[in-house]
Amino acid sequence: MRAVVQRVTHASVTIDGQLHSEIQKGFLVLLGIHKQDTREQAEALCKKIAGLRVFEDENGRMNLSLDQVGGEILLVSQFTLYGDCSHGYRPSFMEAARPDTAVPLYELCGAILRGTLGADKIKTGVFGADMAVDLTNDGPVTIIMDTDTL
């Protein structure tokens, strides 16, 4: 699994011109699922995201977690994180999981994060939908995580 975690002051997902999900302070998480990803990898990645300490403390140091600042997560599926551009100019997405594998793992990640941070703190996009994602990156702080290197 790959995740692009962006610290935001606001993020939202709009589908067909209608606001679907919105958060204020927290993380926009773009989640890519590999065709060989497992439940254990989902658990490890979600644990790392939930505990990531990238919010400033009273001394201005990135030392506080999402839970400590009362932040939220907007979780958005992003199969293009497994785009392979090594041959030519058109990316191949052969390494991205097919929906029958990806949907359950995406939903599992949402459930794990809800169980860790609280159901009211986790919002999602819609798997496979054409979404307009809007965000205000705070910092900017952007962290790339991959379960191959956790």
C-alpha atoms as a PDB file:
ATOM      1  CA  MET A   1       0.000   0.000   0.000  1.00  0.00           C
ATOM      2  CA  ARG A   2       1.007   3.534  -0.623  1.00  0.00           C
ATOM      3  CA  ALA A   3      -0.340   6.610   1.062  1.00  0.00           C
ATOM      4  CA  VAL A   4       0.242  10.266   0.399  1.00  0.00           C
ATOM      5  CA  VAL A   5      -0.581  12.013   3.667  1.00  0.00           C
ATOM      6  CA  GLN A   6      -1.079  15.756   3.446  1.00  0.00           C
ATOM      7  CA  ARG A   7      -1.534  17.894   6.530  1.00  0.00           C
ATOM      8  CA  VAL A   8      -4.452  20.184   5.716  1.00  0.00           C
ATOM      9  CA  THR A   9      -6.486  22.995   7.181  1.00  0.00           C
ATOM     10  CA  HIS A  10      -9.382  21.956   4.939  1.00  0.00           C
ATOM     11  CA  ALA A  11     -10.120  19.190   2.435  1.00  0.00           C
ATOM     12  CA  SER A  12     -13.237  18.068   0.601  1.00  0.00           C
ATOM     13  CA  VAL A  13     -14.489  15.645  -2.031  1.00  0.00           C
ATOM     14  CA  THR A  14     -17.148  16.654  -4.521  1.00  0.00           C
ATOM     15  CA  ILE A  15     -18.868  14.092  -6.762  1.00  0.00           C
ATOM     16  CA  ASP A  16     -21.124  15.136  -9.655  1.00  0.00           C
ATOM     17  CA  GLY A  17     -21.116  18.701  -8.372  1.00  0.00           C
ATOM     18  CA  GLN A  18     -22.303  17.695  -4.885  1.00  0.00           C
ATOM     19  CA  LEU A  19     -20.199  17.947  -1.735  1.00  0.00           C
ATOM     20  CA  HIS A  20     -19.694  14.376  -0.496  1.00  0.00           C
ATOM     21  CA  SER A  21     -17.202  14.713   2.383  1.00  0.00           C
ATOM     22  CA  GLU A  22     -15.360  17.518   4.099  1.00  0.00           C
ATOM     23  CA  ILE A  23     -12.881  17.920   6.935  1.00  0.00           C
ATOM     24  CA  GLN A  24     -11.130  20.807   8.574  1.00  0.00           C
ATOM     25  CA  LYS A  25      -7.752  20.401  10.328  1.00  0.00           C
ATOM     26  CA  GLY A  26      -6.232  16.991   9.752  1.00  0.00           C
ATOM     27  CA  PHE A  27      -4.983  14.701   6.992  1.00  0.00           C
ATOM     28  CA  LEU A  28      -6.021  14.173   3.418  1.00  0.00           C
ATOM     29  CA  VAL A  29      -4.887  10.591   2.781  1.00  0.00           C
ATOM     30  CA  LEU A  30      -4.630   9.410  -0.816  1.00  0.00           C
ATOM     31  CA  LEU A  31      -4.506   5.607  -0.592  1.00  0.00           C
ATOM     32  CA  GLY A  32      -3.184   3.309  -3.316  1.00  0.00           C
ATOM     33  CA  ILE A  33      -3.615  -0.438  -2.971  1.00  0.00           C
ATOM     34  CA  HIS A  34      -1.275  -2.928  -4.645  1.00  0.00           C
ATOM     35  CA  LYS A  35      -2.607  -6.156  -6.105  1.00  0.00           C
ATOM     36  CA  GLN A  36      -0.741  -8.193  -3.459  1.00  0.00           C
ATOM     37  CA  ASP A  37      -1.582  -6.078  -0.399  1.00  0.00           C
ATOM     38  CA  THR A  38      -2.895  -7.751   2.737  1.00  0.00           C
ATOM     39  CA  ARG A  39      -4.946  -7.029   5.834  1.00  0.00           C
ATOM     40  CA  GLU A  40      -1.738  -6.930   7.901  1.00  0.00           C
ATOM     41  CA  GLN A  41      -0.306  -4.223   5.672  1.00  0.00           C
ATOM     42  CA  ALA A  42      -3.517  -2.198   6.005  1.00  0.00           C
ATOM     43  CA  GLU A  43      -3.320  -2.462   9.794  1.00  0.00           C
ATOM     44  CA  ALA A  44       0.349  -1.401   9.870  1.00  0.00           C
ATOM     45  CA  LEU A  45      -0.198   1.556   7.548  1.00  0.00           C
ATOM     46  CA  CYS A  46      -3.267   2.800   9.411  1.00  0.00           C
ATOM     47  CA  LYS A  47      -1.471   2.529  12.742  1.00  0.00           C
ATOM     48  CA  LYS A  48       1.377   4.625  11.332  1.00  0.00           C
ATOM     49  CA  ILE A  49      -0.973   7.242   9.854  1.00  0.00           C
ATOM     50  CA  ALA A  50      -2.997   7.559  13.066  1.00  0.00           C
ATOM     51  CA  GLY A  51       0.155   8.024  15.146  1.00  0.00           C
ATOM     52  CA  LEU A  52       2.034  10.314  12.762  1.00  0.00           C
ATOM     53  CA  ARG A  53       3.333  13.301  14.739  1.00  0.00           C
ATOM     54  CA  VAL A  54       3.447  16.213  12.297  1.00  0.00           C
ATOM     55  CA  PHE A  55       1.416  18.875  14.097  1.00  0.00           C
ATOM     56  CA  GLU A  56       3.221  21.643  15.946  1.00  0.00           C
ATOM     57  CA  ASP A  57       3.461  21.678  19.729  1.00  0.00           C
ATOM     58  CA  GLU A  58       3.742  24.778  21.936  1.00  0.00           C
ATOM     59  CA  ASN A  59       7.402  25.120  20.904  1.00  0.00           C
ATOM     60  CA  GLY A  60       6.670  25.062  17.177  1.00  0.00           C
ATOM     61  CA  ARG A  61       8.075  21.536  16.720  1.00  0.00           C
ATOM     62  CA  MET A  62       6.250  18.857  14.760  1.00  0.00           C
ATOM     63  CA  ASN A  63       5.547  16.663  17.756  1.00  0.00           C
ATOM     64  CA  LEU A  64       1.774  16.177  18.052  1.00  0.00           C
ATOM     65  CA  SER A  65      -0.440  13.481  16.535  1.00  0.00           C
ATOM     66  CA  LEU A  66      -3.793  13.842  14.843  1.00  0.00           C
ATOM     67  CA  ASP A  67      -5.619  12.700  17.971  1.00  0.00           C
ATOM     68  CA  GLN A  68      -3.748  15.223  20.138  1.00  0.00           C
ATOM     69  CA  VAL A  69      -4.918  18.134  17.970  1.00  0.00           C
ATOM     70  CA  GLY A  70      -8.462  16.832  17.434  1.00  0.00           C
ATOM     71  CA  GLY A  71      -7.882  16.403  13.713  1.00  0.00           C
ATOM     72  CA  GLU A  72      -9.817  14.484  11.098  1.00  0.00           C
ATOM     73  CA  ILE A  73      -8.945  12.282   8.119  1.00  0.00           C
ATOM     74  CA  LEU A  74     -10.364  12.407   4.615  1.00  0.00           C
ATOM     75  CA  LEU A  75      -9.493   9.016   3.074  1.00  0.00           C
ATOM     76  CA  VAL A  76      -9.566   8.886  -0.741  1.00  0.00           C
ATOM     77  CA  SER A  77      -8.799   5.866  -2.923  1.00  0.00           C
ATOM     78  CA  GLN A  78      -6.080   6.608  -5.479  1.00  0.00           C
ATOM     79  CA  PHE A  79      -5.109   3.680  -7.727  1.00  0.00           C
ATOM     80  CA  THR A  80      -2.862   5.976  -9.775  1.00  0.00           C
ATOM     81  CA  LEU A  81      -0.292   5.848  -6.947  1.00  0.00           C
ATOM     82  CA  TYR A  82       0.708   2.541  -8.549  1.00  0.00           C
ATOM     83  CA  GLY A  83       1.162   4.068 -11.989  1.00  0.00           C
ATOM     84  CA  ASP A  84       4.341   2.791 -13.647  1.00  0.00           C
ATOM     85  CA  CYS A  85       5.875   5.366 -15.991  1.00  0.00           C
ATOM     86  CA  SER A  86       9.094   3.475 -16.701  1.00  0.00           C
ATOM     87  CA  HIS A  87       8.129   2.600 -20.295  1.00  0.00           C
ATOM     88  CA  GLY A  88       6.940   5.406 -22.508  1.00  0.00           C
ATOM     89  CA  TYR A  89       4.638   8.223 -21.535  1.00  0.00           C
ATOM     90  CA  ARG A  90       1.398   6.393 -20.752  1.00  0.00           C
ATOM     91  CA  PRO A  91       1.390   4.977 -17.219  1.00  0.00           C
ATOM     92  CA  SER A  92       0.610   1.325 -16.676  1.00  0.00           C
ATOM     93  CA  PHE A  93      -1.593   0.494 -13.709  1.00  0.00           C
ATOM     94  CA  MET A  94      -1.024  -3.277 -13.764  1.00  0.00           C
ATOM     95  CA  GLU A  95       0.316  -3.270 -10.184  1.00  0.00           C
ATOM     96  CA  ALA A  96      -2.764  -1.566  -8.756  1.00  0.00           C
ATOM     97  CA  ALA A  97      -5.276  -3.879  -7.123  1.00  0.00           C
ATOM     98  CA  ARG A  98      -8.462  -4.706  -8.988  1.00  0.00           C
ATOM     99  CA  PRO A  99     -11.677  -3.562  -7.269  1.00  0.00           C
ATOM    100  CA  ASP A 100     -12.447  -7.018  -5.840  1.00  0.00           C
ATOM    101  CA  THR A 101      -9.227  -6.748  -3.812  1.00  0.00           C
ATOM    102  CA  ALA A 102      -8.976  -2.981  -3.398  1.00  0.00           C
ATOM    103  CA  VAL A 103     -12.495  -2.178  -2.165  1.00  0.00           C
ATOM    104  CA  PRO A 104     -12.378  -4.464   0.897  1.00  0.00           C
ATOM    105  CA  LEU A 105      -8.898  -3.177   1.851  1.00  0.00           C
ATOM    106  CA  TYR A 106      -9.942   0.447   1.367  1.00  0.00           C
ATOM    107  CA  GLU A 107     -13.019  -0.125   3.531  1.00  0.00           C
ATOM    108  CA  LEU A 108     -10.875  -1.951   6.097  1.00  0.00           C
ATOM    109  CA  CYS A 109      -8.565   1.070   6.322  1.00  0.00           C
ATOM    110  CA  GLY A 110     -11.568   3.307   6.979  1.00  0.00           C
ATOM    111  CA  ALA A 111     -12.794   0.925   9.679  1.00  0.00           C
ATOM    112  CA  ILE A 112      -9.371   0.689  11.342  1.00  0.00           C
ATOM    113  CA  LEU A 113      -9.005   4.474  11.417  1.00  0.00           C
ATOM    114  CA  ARG A 114     -12.550   4.885  12.779  1.00  0.00           C
ATOM    115  CA  GLY A 115     -11.768   2.370  15.502  1.00  0.00           C
ATOM    116  CA  THR A 116      -8.562   4.192  16.389  1.00  0.00           C
ATOM    117  CA  LEU A 117      -9.598   7.845  16.125  1.00  0.00           C
ATOM    118  CA  GLY A 118     -13.403   7.734  16.334  1.00  0.00           C
ATOM    119  CA  ALA A 119     -16.084   7.337  13.694  1.00  0.00           C
ATOM    120  CA  ASP A 120     -16.783  11.068  13.576  1.00  0.00           C
ATOM    121  CA  LYS A 121     -13.142  11.819  12.707  1.00  0.00           C
ATOM    122  CA  ILE A 122     -12.968   9.778   9.477  1.00  0.00           C
ATOM    123  CA  LYS A 123     -14.563  10.809   6.189  1.00  0.00           C
ATOM    124  CA  THR A 124     -14.132   9.083   2.824  1.00  0.00           C
ATOM    125  CA  GLY A 125     -14.467   9.517  -0.870  1.00  0.00           C
ATOM    126  CA  VAL A 126     -16.277   6.954  -3.023  1.00  0.00           C
ATOM    127  CA  PHE A 127     -14.170   4.145  -4.442  1.00  0.00           C
ATOM    128  CA  GLY A 128     -14.016   4.352  -8.231  1.00  0.00           C
ATOM    129  CA  ALA A 129     -15.948   7.615  -8.482  1.00  0.00           C
ATOM    130  CA  ASP A 130     -14.770  10.600 -10.487  1.00  0.00           C
ATOM    131  CA  MET A 131     -14.022  12.917  -7.575  1.00  0.00           C
ATOM    132  CA  ALA A 132     -12.950  16.526  -7.345  1.00  0.00           C
ATOM    133  CA  VAL A 133     -10.626  16.776  -4.355  1.00  0.00           C
ATOM    134  CA  ASP A 134     -10.010  20.218  -2.910  1.00  0.00           C
ATOM    135  CA  LEU A 135      -7.470  20.908  -0.184  1.00  0.00           C
ATOM    136  CA  THR A 136      -5.487  23.541   1.572  1.00  0.00           C
ATOM    137  CA  ASN A 137      -2.135  21.989   2.404  1.00  0.00           C
ATOM    138  CA  ASP A 138      -0.857  23.195   5.772  1.00  0.00           C
ATOM    139  CA  GLY A 139       2.864  23.848   5.876  1.00  0.00           C
ATOM    140  CA  PRO A 140       2.996  22.381   3.310  1.00  0.00           C
ATOM    141  CA  VAL A 141       3.511  19.018   4.973  1.00  0.00           C
ATOM    142  CA  THR A 142       3.276  15.971   2.727  1.00  0.00           C
ATOM    143  CA  ILE A 143       4.470  12.512   3.776  1.00  0.00           C
ATOM    144  CA  ILE A 144       4.684   9.518   1.443  1.00  0.00           C
ATOM    145  CA  MET A 145       4.317   6.105   3.069  1.00  0.00           C
ATOM    146  CA  ASP A 146       4.725   2.654   1.562  1.00  0.00           C
ATOM    147  CA  THR A 147       4.107  -0.601   3.381  1.00  0.00           C
ATOM    148  CA  ASP A 148       7.243  -1.990   1.713  1.00  0.00           C
ATOM    149  CA  THR A 149       9.310   0.399   3.840  1.00  0.00           C
ATOM    150  CA  LEU A 150       7.354   0.603   7.128  1.00  0.00           C
END
